[in-house]
Structures are given as C-alpha cells and as structure tokens.
Amino acid sequence: MTHSDKQLIVSALENGTVLDHIPSDRVFKALDILNLKDTGNRITIGINLTSRHLGKKGIIKISDTFFEDEELNKLALIAPNATVNIIRDFKVVEKRKLQMPAEVEGIAKCMNPKCITNHQPIRTRFTTICRGDEISLLCHYCEKITDNKGIY
C-alpha cells in the first residue's frame, strides 16, 4: 500500500447534523453549549483537521439529532464562522451559517465577582455585543461587560 492509497475512513452520517469549521480548541465547549455530553446518539469528533480557512479546525457529527436555530446560534459565541450541515439519507439537504444571538442564558459566567449570579443560584443572562470580530457580553444583572472567555 502506497501513501496515496491510505485513507482515513469516518463513518458517513445517514441522518443528523454536522457542525464544521469550529476552532479546534473550542470543540469541547461546543459540546457543552449544545448539552451533548449525555446524549445516547453517536457523536464523531474531529480535532486539528486541516482547514484552508482556519489552518486547523474541528468538526462534530451527531447522528439522528437536529437542532433549533436558537440552540445552534449559541455556538456563534465561540465559533462565529462555523457551518451547519443537515444530513438526510447520507446527503446534505441544508447548509446554514450561524447567526449571533441577541441574548444568551446559562452558557457564560459573569466576570464580575460581585455579580449576584456568582453568589446565588441564578441562571446567567447576557446581551451580546459585537464589534468587528470581538464578541463581549453585557450582564443583565450587574451590567458589567464580560469577554467571550467567560463562556463555560
């Protein structure tokens, strides 16, 4: 077998969702944001794959799982250029780009140590602020700005 004969075979997805062009260092955060750690469905994860645009990228394939736009758009906080491919009968039937959500709840931690969300069992809530490629979050409770590093 020559080098050109070798192939990496990852099982094709019959039905489900493929999240592509995720920065490699954010793949596990994406799993958290979409609450996929406890799913019973098959998940295939690729990290540090070659990408013309990112250099390295991550990919997540989730079988028999389809998301609402509202759920997927939360990923824009950590992977604004990610793409979503909907697969049915082994074919891409829809491609989507993520849209930055106006508000996010429960997926980021307020950076203000005095914020009530850091002392009481209160779900965090933020308004997203986009300035060019910079994303920050305005806390609904203490009105302090948190950068996107505060995302779990």
Protein backbone atom coordinates (compact mmCIF):
# COMPACT_ATOMS: atom_id res chain seq x y z
CA MET A 1 0.00 0.00 0.00
CA THR A 2 1.46 3.35 -1.01
CA HIS A 3 0.98 6.57 0.87
CA SER A 4 -1.61 7.74 -1.68
CA ASP A 5 -3.65 4.55 -1.13
CA LYS A 6 -4.19 5.27 2.55
CA GLN A 7 -7.47 6.83 3.61
CA LEU A 8 -8.96 7.82 6.89
CA ILE A 9 -12.46 6.42 6.97
CA VAL A 10 -15.01 8.06 9.23
CA SER A 11 -18.44 6.55 9.02
CA ALA A 12 -20.80 8.53 6.84
CA LEU A 13 -23.74 10.09 8.60
CA GLU A 14 -27.11 8.78 7.41
CA ASN A 15 -29.24 11.34 9.26
CA GLY A 16 -28.17 14.09 11.61
CA THR A 17 -26.21 17.30 11.94
CA VAL A 18 -22.60 18.12 11.07
CA LEU A 19 -21.01 21.16 12.72
CA ASP A 20 -17.96 22.15 10.70
CA HIS A 21 -15.27 24.85 10.87
CA ILE A 22 -15.19 25.00 14.67
CA PRO A 23 -11.84 26.22 16.04
CA SER A 24 -10.13 23.05 17.35
CA ASP A 25 -9.66 24.45 20.85
CA ARG A 26 -13.41 25.11 21.14
CA VAL A 27 -14.87 21.74 20.13
CA PHE A 28 -15.45 20.60 23.71
CA LYS A 29 -17.06 23.95 24.59
CA ALA A 30 -19.41 23.40 21.64
CA LEU A 31 -20.40 20.01 23.08
CA ASP A 32 -21.15 21.72 26.42
CA ILE A 33 -23.18 24.54 24.85
CA LEU A 34 -25.34 22.04 22.97
CA ASN A 35 -25.67 19.74 26.03
CA LEU A 36 -24.34 16.75 24.10
CA LYS A 37 -22.34 15.09 26.88
CA ASP A 38 -25.29 12.94 27.98
CA THR A 39 -26.80 12.12 24.60
CA GLY A 40 -27.27 8.49 23.64
CA ASN A 41 -26.74 9.29 19.96
CA ARG A 42 -23.46 8.56 18.19
CA ILE A 43 -21.12 11.56 18.06
CA THR A 44 -18.00 11.70 15.91
CA ILE A 45 -15.49 14.41 16.81
CA GLY A 46 -12.54 15.54 14.72
CA ILE A 47 -9.96 17.94 16.14
CA ASN A 48 -6.93 19.54 14.45
CA LEU A 49 -8.16 18.66 10.97
CA THR A 50 -6.65 20.59 8.05
CA SER A 51 -8.62 23.68 7.03
CA ARG A 52 -7.81 26.18 4.30
CA HIS A 53 -9.51 28.98 6.25
CA LEU A 54 -8.61 28.22 9.87
CA GLY A 55 -5.36 26.27 9.42
CA LYS A 56 -6.77 23.70 11.85
CA LYS A 57 -10.42 23.04 12.52
CA GLY A 58 -12.78 20.87 14.47
CA ILE A 59 -15.87 19.02 13.32
CA ILE A 60 -18.73 17.38 15.23
CA LYS A 61 -21.12 14.86 13.64
CA ILE A 62 -24.24 13.98 15.65
CA SER A 63 -26.40 11.15 14.34
CA ASP A 64 -30.18 11.38 14.37
CA THR A 65 -30.09 14.80 16.01
CA PHE A 66 -31.45 18.07 14.66
CA PHE A 67 -31.32 21.39 16.45
CA GLU A 68 -33.45 24.50 16.54
CA ASP A 69 -31.70 27.61 15.16
CA GLU A 70 -31.86 29.18 18.62
CA GLU A 71 -29.78 26.32 20.08
CA LEU A 72 -27.22 26.33 17.28
CA ASN A 73 -26.81 30.09 17.21
CA LYS A 74 -25.32 29.96 20.73
CA LEU A 75 -22.27 28.42 19.05
CA ALA A 76 -21.66 31.74 17.29
CA LEU A 77 -20.20 33.00 20.59
CA ILE A 78 -17.27 30.57 20.32
CA ALA A 79 -17.27 29.68 16.61
CA PRO A 80 -18.81 32.52 14.58
CA ASN A 81 -17.68 31.02 11.26
CA ALA A 82 -18.94 27.51 11.94
CA THR A 83 -21.25 25.94 9.38
CA VAL A 84 -24.16 23.60 9.99
CA ASN A 85 -24.96 20.80 7.54
CA ILE A 86 -28.22 18.91 7.87
CA ILE A 87 -27.89 15.33 6.58
CA ARG A 88 -30.75 13.09 5.46
CA ASP A 89 -30.21 9.76 3.66
CA PHE A 90 -26.43 10.41 3.52
CA LYS A 91 -26.92 13.70 1.61
CA VAL A 92 -26.52 17.33 2.70
CA VAL A 93 -30.05 18.70 2.39
CA GLU A 94 -29.39 22.06 4.04
CA LYS A 95 -26.40 24.26 4.86
CA ARG A 96 -26.67 27.04 7.41
CA LYS A 97 -24.45 29.78 8.77
CA LEU A 98 -24.76 30.72 12.42
CA GLN A 99 -26.38 34.00 13.45
CA MET A 100 -25.16 35.77 16.58
CA PRO A 101 -27.95 35.58 19.19
CA ALA A 102 -29.08 38.89 20.71
CA GLU A 103 -29.20 37.27 24.16
CA VAL A 104 -27.76 34.15 25.78
CA GLU A 105 -28.71 32.42 29.01
CA GLY A 106 -26.84 29.95 31.16
CA ILE A 107 -23.79 29.37 28.96
CA ALA A 108 -21.42 32.04 30.23
CA LYS A 109 -20.14 33.16 33.62
CA CYS A 110 -20.15 36.82 34.60
CA MET A 111 -16.60 38.05 35.17
CA ASN A 112 -17.76 40.41 37.94
CA PRO A 113 -17.01 38.62 41.23
CA LYS A 114 -19.71 40.71 42.97
CA CYS A 115 -22.46 39.79 40.48
CA ILE A 116 -25.44 38.06 42.08
CA THR A 117 -25.09 35.17 39.57
CA ASN A 118 -21.78 34.27 41.24
CA HIS A 119 -23.37 34.08 44.71
CA GLN A 120 -26.94 32.89 44.17
CA PRO A 121 -28.39 30.00 42.12
CA ILE A 122 -29.47 32.38 39.35
CA ARG A 123 -29.12 31.48 35.67
CA THR A 124 -26.84 33.96 33.92
CA ARG A 125 -28.28 36.18 31.20
CA PHE A 126 -26.38 38.40 28.78
CA THR A 127 -26.92 40.69 25.82
CA THR A 128 -24.34 40.05 23.11
CA ILE A 129 -22.23 42.94 21.84
CA CYS A 130 -20.33 42.53 18.56
CA ARG A 131 -17.61 44.95 17.50
CA GLY A 132 -15.95 43.58 14.39
CA ASP A 133 -14.60 40.15 15.36
CA GLU A 134 -14.72 40.93 19.08
CA ILE A 135 -17.65 39.50 20.99
CA SER A 136 -18.47 40.58 24.52
CA LEU A 137 -21.41 40.02 26.83
CA LEU A 138 -23.36 42.57 28.87
CA CYS A 139 -24.69 41.08 32.11
CA HIS A 140 -28.42 41.54 32.61
CA TYR A 141 -27.99 41.77 36.40
CA CYS A 142 -24.86 43.82 37.15
CA GLU A 143 -24.43 45.48 33.72
CA LYS A 144 -20.73 44.66 33.60
CA ILE A 145 -19.08 43.55 30.37
CA THR A 146 -17.65 40.03 30.13
CA ASP A 147 -15.45 38.96 27.24
CA ASN A 148 -16.12 35.66 25.48
CA LYS A 149 -13.55 33.90 27.70
CA GLY A 150 -16.31 33.80 30.34
CA ILE A 151 -18.16 31.17 28.30
CA TYR A 152 -18.09 27.81 30.06
